[in-house]
Amino acid sequence: MPLVVSLAINHFGMTVGEALRAATLGGAQALRTPELGGMARGRYADIVAWDADHEGAFAWSYGLRPLRVWRGGEPALA
Protein backbone atom coordinates (compact mmCIF):
# COMPACT_ATOMS: atom_id res chain seq x y z
CA MET A 1 0.00 0.00 0.00
CA PRO A 2 2.81 2.49 0.62
CA LEU A 3 3.84 2.12 -3.03
CA VAL A 4 0.30 2.81 -4.24
CA VAL A 5 0.06 5.93 -2.07
CA SER A 6 3.47 7.07 -3.30
CA LEU A 7 2.45 6.61 -6.94
CA ALA A 8 -0.76 8.56 -6.40
CA ILE A 9 1.22 11.47 -4.94
CA ASN A 10 4.20 11.47 -7.29
CA HIS A 11 2.54 10.54 -10.58
CA PHE A 12 -1.01 11.83 -10.22
CA GLY A 13 -0.33 14.96 -8.19
CA MET A 14 -2.54 14.02 -5.24
CA THR A 15 -1.82 15.47 -1.81
CA VAL A 16 -0.85 13.08 0.95
CA GLY A 17 -4.31 13.46 2.49
CA GLU A 18 -6.06 12.81 -0.82
CA ALA A 19 -3.96 9.72 -1.50
CA LEU A 20 -4.52 8.26 1.97
CA ARG A 21 -8.26 9.00 1.78
CA ALA A 22 -8.45 7.35 -1.65
CA ALA A 23 -6.59 4.28 -0.35
CA THR A 24 -8.90 3.85 2.64
CA LEU A 25 -12.35 5.39 2.22
CA GLY A 26 -12.13 5.26 -1.57
CA GLY A 27 -11.30 1.56 -1.55
CA ALA A 28 -14.21 0.79 0.76
CA GLN A 29 -16.54 2.84 -1.42
CA ALA A 30 -15.36 1.06 -4.57
CA LEU A 31 -16.11 -2.28 -2.88
CA ARG A 32 -19.53 -1.00 -1.78
CA THR A 33 -18.65 -1.49 1.89
CA PRO A 34 -19.27 1.94 3.44
CA GLU A 35 -18.89 0.51 6.95
CA LEU A 36 -15.18 -0.05 6.19
CA GLY A 37 -12.33 2.30 5.37
CA GLY A 38 -12.68 4.81 8.16
CA MET A 39 -12.15 5.07 11.87
CA ALA A 40 -15.20 5.80 14.00
CA ARG A 41 -16.32 5.09 17.53
CA GLY A 42 -17.80 1.60 17.90
CA ARG A 43 -16.22 0.16 14.75
CA TYR A 44 -13.62 -2.57 14.64
CA ALA A 45 -10.45 -1.48 12.91
CA ASP A 46 -7.67 -3.02 10.89
CA ILE A 47 -4.81 -0.59 11.45
CA VAL A 48 -1.09 -0.61 10.73
CA ALA A 49 1.29 1.72 12.59
CA TRP A 50 4.16 2.31 10.18
CA ASP A 51 7.76 3.17 11.01
CA ALA A 52 7.44 6.70 9.62
CA ASP A 53 8.01 10.18 10.97
CA HIS A 54 4.80 11.56 9.43
CA GLU A 55 1.98 10.58 7.05
CA GLY A 56 3.85 12.04 4.09
CA ALA A 57 6.64 9.49 4.48
CA PHE A 58 4.67 7.22 2.12
CA ALA A 59 5.46 9.60 -0.70
CA TRP A 60 9.21 9.30 -0.37
CA SER A 61 10.00 6.01 1.35
CA TYR A 62 9.45 2.61 -0.21
CA GLY A 63 9.38 -0.48 1.96
CA LEU A 64 8.34 1.09 5.23
CA ARG A 65 8.32 -1.36 8.13
CA PRO A 66 5.10 -1.92 10.11
CA LEU A 67 5.63 -1.37 13.85
CA ARG A 68 2.26 -2.66 15.10
CA VAL A 69 -0.80 -4.23 13.50
CA TRP A 70 -4.39 -4.49 14.72
CA ARG A 71 -7.00 -6.69 13.02
CA GLY A 72 -10.61 -6.31 14.02
CA GLY A 73 -9.49 -4.03 16.84
CA GLU A 74 -7.22 -6.69 18.35
CA PRO A 75 -3.40 -6.69 18.31
CA ALA A 76 -1.92 -8.96 15.65
CA LEU A 77 1.62 -9.92 14.66
CA ALA A 78 3.47 -7.33 12.61
PDB file of N, CA and C in Angstrom:
ATOM      1  N   MET A   1       0.804  -1.199   0.000  1.00  0.00           N
ATOM      2  CA  MET A   1       0.000   0.000   0.000  1.00  0.00           C
ATOM      3  C   MET A   1       0.851   1.269   0.000  1.00  0.00           C
ATOM      4  N   PRO A   2       1.992   1.289   0.698  1.00  0.00           N
ATOM      5  CA  PRO A   2       2.808   2.493   0.616  1.00  0.00           C
ATOM      6  C   PRO A   2       3.216   2.847  -0.814  1.00  0.00           C
ATOM      7  N   LEU A   3       3.482   1.855  -1.641  1.00  0.00           N
ATOM      8  CA  LEU A   3       3.845   2.117  -3.033  1.00  0.00           C
ATOM      9  C   LEU A   3       2.674   2.755  -3.787  1.00  0.00           C
ATOM     10  N   VAL A   4       1.476   2.264  -3.570  1.00  0.00           N
ATOM     11  CA  VAL A   4       0.295   2.809  -4.243  1.00  0.00           C
ATOM     12  C   VAL A   4       0.081   4.265  -3.836  1.00  0.00           C
ATOM     13  N   VAL A   5       0.205   4.559  -2.549  1.00  0.00           N
ATOM     14  CA  VAL A   5       0.057   5.929  -2.068  1.00  0.00           C
ATOM     15  C   VAL A   5       1.141   6.811  -2.679  1.00  0.00           C
ATOM     16  N   SER A   6       2.363   6.313  -2.716  1.00  0.00           N
ATOM     17  CA  SER A   6       3.466   7.066  -3.304  1.00  0.00           C
ATOM     18  C   SER A   6       3.226   7.367  -4.775  1.00  0.00           C
ATOM     19  N   LEU A   7       2.744   6.396  -5.520  1.00  0.00           N
ATOM     20  CA  LEU A   7       2.451   6.610  -6.937  1.00  0.00           C
ATOM     21  C   LEU A   7       1.352   7.647  -7.129  1.00  0.00           C
ATOM     22  N   ALA A   8       0.336   7.596  -6.298  1.00  0.00           N
ATOM     23  CA  ALA A   8      -0.756   8.564  -6.395  1.00  0.00           C
ATOM     24  C   ALA A   8      -0.237   9.981  -6.178  1.00  0.00           C
ATOM     25  N   ILE A   9       0.676  10.153  -5.245  1.00  0.00           N
ATOM     26  CA  ILE A   9       1.221  11.471  -4.940  1.00  0.00           C
ATOM     27  C   ILE A   9       2.186  11.930  -6.026  1.00  0.00           C
ATOM     28  N   ASN A  10       3.135  11.078  -6.363  1.00  0.00           N
ATOM     29  CA  ASN A  10       4.198  11.474  -7.289  1.00  0.00           C
ATOM     30  C   ASN A  10       3.793  11.494  -8.751  1.00  0.00           C
ATOM     31  N   HIS A  11       2.890  10.630  -9.162  1.00  0.00           N
ATOM     32  CA  HIS A  11       2.542  10.543 -10.583  1.00  0.00           C
ATOM     33  C   HIS A  11       1.189  11.149 -10.922  1.00  0.00           C
ATOM     34  N   PHE A  12       0.314  11.283  -9.945  1.00  0.00           N
ATOM     35  CA  PHE A  12      -1.010  11.832 -10.220  1.00  0.00           C
ATOM     36  C   PHE A  12      -1.254  13.158  -9.522  1.00  0.00           C
ATOM     37  N   GLY A  13      -0.249  13.644  -8.793  1.00  0.00           N
ATOM     38  CA  GLY A  13      -0.334  14.960  -8.187  1.00  0.00           C
ATOM     39  C   GLY A  13      -1.286  15.084  -7.013  1.00  0.00           C
ATOM     40  N   MET A  14      -1.651  13.969  -6.398  1.00  0.00           N
ATOM     41  CA  MET A  14      -2.539  14.025  -5.238  1.00  0.00           C
ATOM     42  C   MET A  14      -1.762  14.503  -4.026  1.00  0.00           C
ATOM     43  N   THR A  15      -2.454  15.149  -3.086  1.00  0.00           N
ATOM     44  CA  THR A  15      -1.824  15.474  -1.813  1.00  0.00           C
ATOM     45  C   THR A  15      -1.730  14.195  -0.994  1.00  0.00           C
ATOM     46  N   VAL A  16      -0.957  14.247   0.073  1.00  0.00           N
ATOM     47  CA  VAL A  16      -0.849  13.079   0.952  1.00  0.00           C
ATOM     48  C   VAL A  16      -2.229  12.719   1.496  1.00  0.00           C
ATOM     49  N   GLY A  17      -2.969  13.708   1.957  1.00  0.00           N
ATOM     50  CA  GLY A  17      -4.315  13.460   2.490  1.00  0.00           C
ATOM     51  C   GLY A  17      -5.243  12.848   1.470  1.00  0.00           C
ATOM     52  N   GLU A  18      -5.206  13.362   0.239  1.00  0.00           N
ATOM     53  CA  GLU A  18      -6.059  12.811  -0.823  1.00  0.00           C
ATOM     54  C   GLU A  18      -5.693  11.365  -1.125  1.00  0.00           C
ATOM     55  N   ALA A  19      -4.404  11.075  -1.182  1.00  0.00           N
ATOM     56  CA  ALA A  19      -3.961   9.715  -1.498  1.00  0.00           C
ATOM     57  C   ALA A  19      -4.340   8.736  -0.391  1.00  0.00           C
ATOM     58  N   LEU A  20      -4.156   9.137   0.860  1.00  0.00           N
ATOM     59  CA  LEU A  20      -4.521   8.259   1.974  1.00  0.00           C
ATOM     60  C   LEU A  20      -6.033   8.050   2.032  1.00  0.00           C
ATOM     61  N   ARG A  21      -6.795   9.106   1.791  1.00  0.00           N
ATOM     62  CA  ARG A  21      -8.260   8.997   1.778  1.00  0.00           C
ATOM     63  C   ARG A  21      -8.715   8.065   0.648  1.00  0.00           C
ATOM     64  N   ALA A  22      -8.093   8.208  -0.523  1.00  0.00           N
ATOM     65  CA  ALA A  22      -8.448   7.345  -1.653  1.00  0.00           C
ATOM     66  C   ALA A  22      -8.120   5.885  -1.354  1.00  0.00           C
ATOM     67  N   ALA A  23      -7.009   5.652  -0.656  1.00  0.00           N
ATOM     68  CA  ALA A  23      -6.588   4.281  -0.347  1.00  0.00           C
ATOM     69  C   ALA A  23      -7.463   3.627   0.710  1.00  0.00           C
ATOM     70  N   THR A  24      -8.112   4.417   1.547  1.00  0.00           N
ATOM     71  CA  THR A  24      -8.904   3.854   2.638  1.00  0.00           C
ATOM     72  C   THR A  24     -10.400   3.979   2.347  1.00  0.00           C
ATOM     73  N   LEU A  25     -10.920   5.173   2.468  1.00  0.00           N
ATOM     74  CA  LEU A  25     -12.350   5.385   2.223  1.00  0.00           C
ATOM     75  C   LEU A  25     -12.730   5.111   0.774  1.00  0.00           C
ATOM     76  N   GLY A  26     -11.852   5.498  -0.151  1.00  0.00           N
ATOM     77  CA  GLY A  26     -12.127   5.259  -1.571  1.00  0.00           C
ATOM     78  C   GLY A  26     -12.189   3.782  -1.907  1.00  0.00           C
ATOM     79  N   GLY A  27     -11.284   3.004  -1.320  1.00  0.00           N
ATOM     80  CA  GLY A  27     -11.302   1.556  -1.548  1.00  0.00           C
ATOM     81  C   GLY A  27     -12.566   0.915  -1.015  1.00  0.00           C
ATOM     82  N   ALA A  28     -12.977   1.338   0.173  1.00  0.00           N
ATOM     83  CA  ALA A  28     -14.206   0.795   0.760  1.00  0.00           C
ATOM     84  C   ALA A  28     -15.418   1.168  -0.089  1.00  0.00           C
ATOM     85  N   GLN A  29     -15.433   2.404  -0.577  1.00  0.00           N
ATOM     86  CA  GLN A  29     -16.543   2.845  -1.418  1.00  0.00           C
ATOM     87  C   GLN A  29     -16.580   2.059  -2.726  1.00  0.00           C
ATOM     88  N   ALA A  30     -15.419   1.817  -3.323  1.00  0.00           N
ATOM     89  CA  ALA A  30     -15.357   1.059  -4.566  1.00  0.00           C
ATOM     90  C   ALA A  30     -15.858  -0.369  -4.379  1.00  0.00           C
ATOM     91  N   LEU A  31     -15.648  -0.925  -3.188  1.00  0.00           N
ATOM     92  CA  LEU A  31     -16.108  -2.281  -2.882  1.00  0.00           C
ATOM     93  C   LEU A  31     -17.528  -2.314  -2.331  1.00  0.00           C
ATOM     94  N   ARG A  32     -18.159  -1.142  -2.290  1.00  0.00           N
ATOM     95  CA  ARG A  32     -19.532  -1.002  -1.780  1.00  0.00           C
ATOM     96  C   ARG A  32     -19.649  -1.505  -0.334  1.00  0.00           C
ATOM     97  N   THR A  33     -18.656  -1.144   0.468  1.00  0.00           N
ATOM     98  CA  THR A  33     -18.648  -1.491   1.893  1.00  0.00           C
ATOM     99  C   THR A  33     -18.424  -0.215   2.700  1.00  0.00           C
ATOM    100  N   PRO A  34     -19.440   0.647   2.783  1.00  0.00           N
ATOM    101  CA  PRO A  34     -19.268   1.940   3.443  1.00  0.00           C
ATOM    102  C   PRO A  34     -18.959   1.840   4.937  1.00  0.00           C
ATOM    103  N   GLU A  35     -19.200   0.683   5.529  1.00  0.00           N
ATOM    104  CA  GLU A  35     -18.887   0.505   6.948  1.00  0.00           C
ATOM    105  C   GLU A  35     -17.386   0.301   7.173  1.00  0.00           C
ATOM    106  N   LEU A  36     -16.627   0.138   6.104  1.00  0.00           N
ATOM    107  CA  LEU A  36     -15.176  -0.050   6.188  1.00  0.00           C
ATOM    108  C   LEU A  36     -14.456   1.207   5.699  1.00  0.00           C
ATOM    109  N   GLY A  37     -13.163   1.247   5.935  1.00  0.00           N
ATOM    110  CA  GLY A  37     -12.334   2.298   5.365  1.00  0.00           C
ATOM    111  C   GLY A  37     -12.109   3.511   6.228  1.00  0.00           C
ATOM    112  N   GLY A  38     -12.854   3.640   7.302  1.00  0.00           N
ATOM    113  CA  GLY A  38     -12.682   4.806   8.162  1.00  0.00           C
ATOM    114  C   GLY A  38     -12.673   4.411   9.620  1.00  0.00           C
ATOM    115  N   MET A  39     -12.185   5.318  10.437  1.00  0.00           N
ATOM    116  CA  MET A  39     -12.153   5.070  11.872  1.00  0.00           C
ATOM    117  C   MET A  39     -13.280   5.856  12.524  1.00  0.00           C
ATOM    118  N   ALA A  40     -14.091   5.158  13.287  1.00  0.00           N
ATOM    119  CA  ALA A  40     -15.197   5.797  13.997  1.00  0.00           C
ATOM    120  C   ALA A  40     -15.471   5.015  15.273  1.00  0.00           C
ATOM    121  N   ARG A  41     -15.996   5.711  16.250  1.00  0.00           N
ATOM    122  CA  ARG A  41     -16.317   5.089  17.533  1.00  0.00           C
ATOM    123  C   ARG A  41     -17.262   3.901  17.319  1.00  0.00           C
ATOM    124  N   GLY A  42     -16.948   2.778  17.966  1.00  0.00           N
ATOM    125  CA  GLY A  42     -17.799   1.602  17.900  1.00  0.00           C
ATOM    126  C   GLY A  42     -17.495   0.660  16.745  1.00  0.00           C
ATOM    127  N   ARG A  43     -16.588   1.032  15.867  1.00  0.00           N
ATOM    128  CA  ARG A  43     -16.221   0.159  14.748  1.00  0.00           C
ATOM    129  C   ARG A  43     -14.959  -0.617  15.087  1.00  0.00           C
ATOM    130  N   TYR A  44     -14.854  -1.808  14.526  1.00  0.00           N
ATOM    131  CA  TYR A  44     -13.622  -2.567  14.636  1.00  0.00           C
ATOM    132  C   TYR A  44     -12.674  -2.067  13.556  1.00  0.00           C
ATOM    133  N   ALA A  45     -11.390  -2.064  13.853  1.00  0.00           N
ATOM    134  CA  ALA A  45     -10.449  -1.480  12.911  1.00  0.00           C
ATOM    135  C   ALA A  45      -9.311  -2.436  12.585  1.00  0.00           C
ATOM    136  N   ASP A  46      -8.918  -2.417  11.331  1.00  0.00           N
ATOM    137  CA  ASP A  46      -7.670  -3.024  10.889  1.00  0.00           C
ATOM    138  C   ASP A  46      -6.724  -1.846  10.665  1.00  0.00           C
ATOM    139  N   ILE A  47      -5.702  -1.750  11.488  1.00  0.00           N
ATOM    140  CA  ILE A  47      -4.811  -0.594  11.450  1.00  0.00           C
ATOM    141  C   ILE A  47      -3.372  -1.078  11.443  1.00  0.00           C
ATOM    142  N   VAL A  48      -2.525  -0.354  10.719  1.00  0.00           N
ATOM    143  CA  VAL A  48      -1.088  -0.610  10.732  1.00  0.00           C
ATOM    144  C   VAL A  48      -0.401   0.682  11.164  1.00  0.00           C
ATOM    145  N   ALA A  49       0.443   0.602  12.184  1.00  0.00           N
ATOM    146  CA  ALA A  49       1.287   1.724  12.588  1.00  0.00           C
ATOM    147  C   ALA A  49       2.633   1.525  11.894  1.00  0.00           C
ATOM    148  N   TRP A  50       2.948   2.437  10.978  1.00  0.00           N
ATOM    149  CA  TRP A  50       4.158   2.312  10.181  1.00  0.00           C
ATOM    150  C   TRP A  50       5.344   3.002  10.846  1.00  0.00           C
ATOM    151  N   ASP A  51       6.522   2.563  10.530  1.00  0.00           N
ATOM    152  CA  ASP A  51       7.759   3.166  11.009  1.00  0.00           C
ATOM    153  C   ASP A  51       8.052   4.390  10.139  1.00  0.00           C
ATOM    154  N   ALA A  52       7.320   5.475  10.411  1.00  0.00           N
ATOM    155  CA  ALA A  52       7.444   6.699   9.618  1.00  0.00           C
ATOM    156  C   ALA A  52       7.341   7.909  10.537  1.00  0.00           C
ATOM    157  N   ASP A  53       8.024   8.965  10.169  1.00  0.00           N
ATOM    158  CA  ASP A  53       8.006  10.185  10.970  1.00  0.00           C
ATOM    159  C   ASP A  53       6.699  10.950  10.834  1.00  0.00           C
ATOM    160  N   HIS A  54       6.040  10.840   9.688  1.00  0.00           N
ATOM    161  CA  HIS A  54       4.797  11.561   9.434  1.00  0.00           C
ATOM    162  C   HIS A  54       4.062  10.883   8.285  1.00  0.00           C
ATOM    163  N   GLU A  55       2.783  11.255   8.079  1.00  0.00           N
ATOM    164  CA  GLU A  55       1.978  10.579   7.055  1.00  0.00           C
ATOM    165  C   GLU A  55       2.534  10.761   5.650  1.00  0.00           C
ATOM    166  N   GLY A  56       3.275  11.821   5.406  1.00  0.00           N
ATOM    167  CA  GLY A  56       3.853  12.044   4.087  1.00  0.00           C
ATOM    168  C   GLY A  56       5.022  11.142   3.762  1.00  0.00           C
ATOM    169  N   ALA A  57       5.500  10.382   4.721  1.00  0.00           N
ATOM    170  CA  ALA A  57       6.636   9.493   4.479  1.00  0.00           C
ATOM    171  C   ALA A  57       6.324   8.462   3.391  1.00  0.00           C
ATOM    172  N   PHE A  58       5.040   8.157   3.188  1.00  0.00           N
ATOM    173  CA  PHE A  58       4.667   7.217   2.125  1.00  0.00           C
ATOM    174  C   PHE A  58       5.071   7.729   0.748  1.00  0.00           C
ATOM    175  N   ALA A  59       5.142   9.026   0.606  1.00  0.00           N
ATOM    176  CA  ALA A  59       5.456   9.601  -0.702  1.00  0.00           C
ATOM    177  C   ALA A  59       6.917   9.441  -1.078  1.00  0.00           C
ATOM    178  N   TRP A  60       7.789   9.286  -0.091  1.00  0.00           N
ATOM    179  CA  TRP A  60       9.210   9.301  -0.373  1.00  0.00           C
ATOM    180  C   TRP A  60       9.957   8.066   0.091  1.00  0.00           C
ATOM    181  N   SER A  61       9.304   7.173   0.793  1.00  0.00           N
ATOM    182  CA  SER A  61       9.998   6.007   1.348  1.00  0.00           C
ATOM    183  C   SER A  61       9.298   4.726   0.917  1.00  0.00           C
ATOM    184  N   TYR A  62      10.004   3.904   0.166  1.00  0.00           N
ATOM    185  CA  TYR A  62       9.449   2.614  -0.213  1.00  0.00           C
ATOM    186  C   TYR A  62       9.873   1.577   0.824  1.00  0.00           C
ATOM    187  N   GLY A  63       9.033   0.605   1.060  1.00  0.00           N
ATOM    188  CA  GLY A  63       9.385  -0.481   1.956  1.00  0.00           C
ATOM    189  C   GLY A  63       9.369  -0.113   3.426  1.00  0.00           C
ATOM    190  N   LEU A  64       8.441   0.757   3.816  1.00  0.00           N
ATOM    191  CA  LEU A  64       8.337   1.088   5.235  1.00  0.00           C
ATOM    192  C   LEU A  64       8.008  -0.157   6.044  1.00  0.00           C
ATOM    193  N   ARG A  65       8.498  -0.207   7.261  1.00  0.00           N
ATOM    194  CA  ARG A  65       8.318  -1.363   8.129  1.00  0.00           C
ATOM    195  C   ARG A  65       7.139  -1.133   9.071  1.00  0.00           C
ATOM    196  N   PRO A  66       6.193  -2.077   9.142  1.00  0.00           N
ATOM    197  CA  PRO A  66       5.102  -1.923  10.115  1.00  0.00           C
ATOM    198  C   PRO A  66       5.629  -2.128  11.536  1.00  0.00           C
ATOM    199  N   LEU A  67       5.224  -1.243  12.452  1.00  0.00           N
ATOM    200  CA  LEU A  67       5.626  -1.369  13.847  1.00  0.00           C
ATOM    201  C   LEU A  67       4.625  -2.188  14.646  1.00  0.00           C
ATOM    202  N   ARG A  68       3.334  -1.926  14.416  1.00  0.00           N
ATOM    203  CA  ARG A  68       2.257  -2.663  15.101  1.00  0.00           C
ATOM    204  C   ARG A  68       1.103  -2.846  14.134  1.00  0.00           C
ATOM    205  N   VAL A  69       0.351  -3.920  14.354  1.00  0.00           N
ATOM    206  CA  VAL A  69      -0.796  -4.231  13.497  1.00  0.00           C
ATOM    207  C   VAL A  69      -1.968  -4.624  14.386  1.00  0.00           C
ATOM    208  N   TRP A  70      -3.155  -4.101  14.052  1.00  0.00           N
ATOM    209  CA  TRP A  70      -4.386  -4.493  14.722  1.00  0.00           C
ATOM    210  C   TRP A  70      -5.347  -4.998  13.656  1.00  0.00           C
ATOM    211  N   ARG A  71      -6.003  -6.133  13.924  1.00  0.00           N
ATOM    212  CA  ARG A  71      -7.004  -6.688  13.015  1.00  0.00           C
ATOM    213  C   ARG A  71      -8.278  -6.837  13.807  1.00  0.00           C
ATOM    214  N   GLY A  72      -9.345  -6.241  13.309  1.00  0.00           N
ATOM    215  CA  GLY A  72     -10.606  -6.309  14.015  1.00  0.00           C
ATOM    216  C   GLY A  72     -10.531  -5.685  15.400  1.00  0.00           C
ATOM    217  N   GLY A  73      -9.648  -4.715  15.557  1.00  0.00           N
ATOM    218  CA  GLY A  73      -9.495  -4.033  16.841  1.00  0.00           C
ATOM    219  C   GLY A  73      -8.607  -4.755  17.826  1.00  0.00           C
ATOM    220  N   GLU A  74      -8.082  -5.913  17.458  1.00  0.00           N
ATOM    221  CA  GLU A  74      -7.217  -6.692  18.347  1.00  0.00           C
ATOM    222  C   GLU A  74      -5.788  -6.702  17.840  1.00  0.00           C
ATOM    223  N   PRO A  75      -4.806  -6.638  18.758  1.00  0.00           N
ATOM    224  CA  PRO A  75      -3.400  -6.692  18.314  1.00  0.00           C
ATOM    225  C   PRO A  75      -3.107  -7.972  17.527  1.00  0.00           C
ATOM    226  N   ALA A  76      -2.323  -7.826  16.478  1.00  0.00           N
ATOM    227  CA  ALA A  76      -1.918  -8.963  15.648  1.00  0.00           C
ATOM    228  C   ALA A  76      -0.393  -8.890  15.477  1.00  0.00           C
ATOM    229  N   LEU A  77       0.179  -9.915  14.917  1.00  0.00           N
ATOM    230  CA  LEU A  77       1.616  -9.922  14.665  1.00  0.00           C
ATOM    231  C   LEU A  77       1.936  -8.966  13.536  1.00  0.00           C
ATOM    232  N   ALA A  78       3.033  -8.276  13.652  1.00  0.00           N
ATOM    233  CA  ALA A  78       3.470  -7.335  12.609  1.00  0.00           C
ATOM    234  C   ALA A  78       4.228  -8.074  11.521  1.00  0.00           C
TER     235      ALA A  78
END
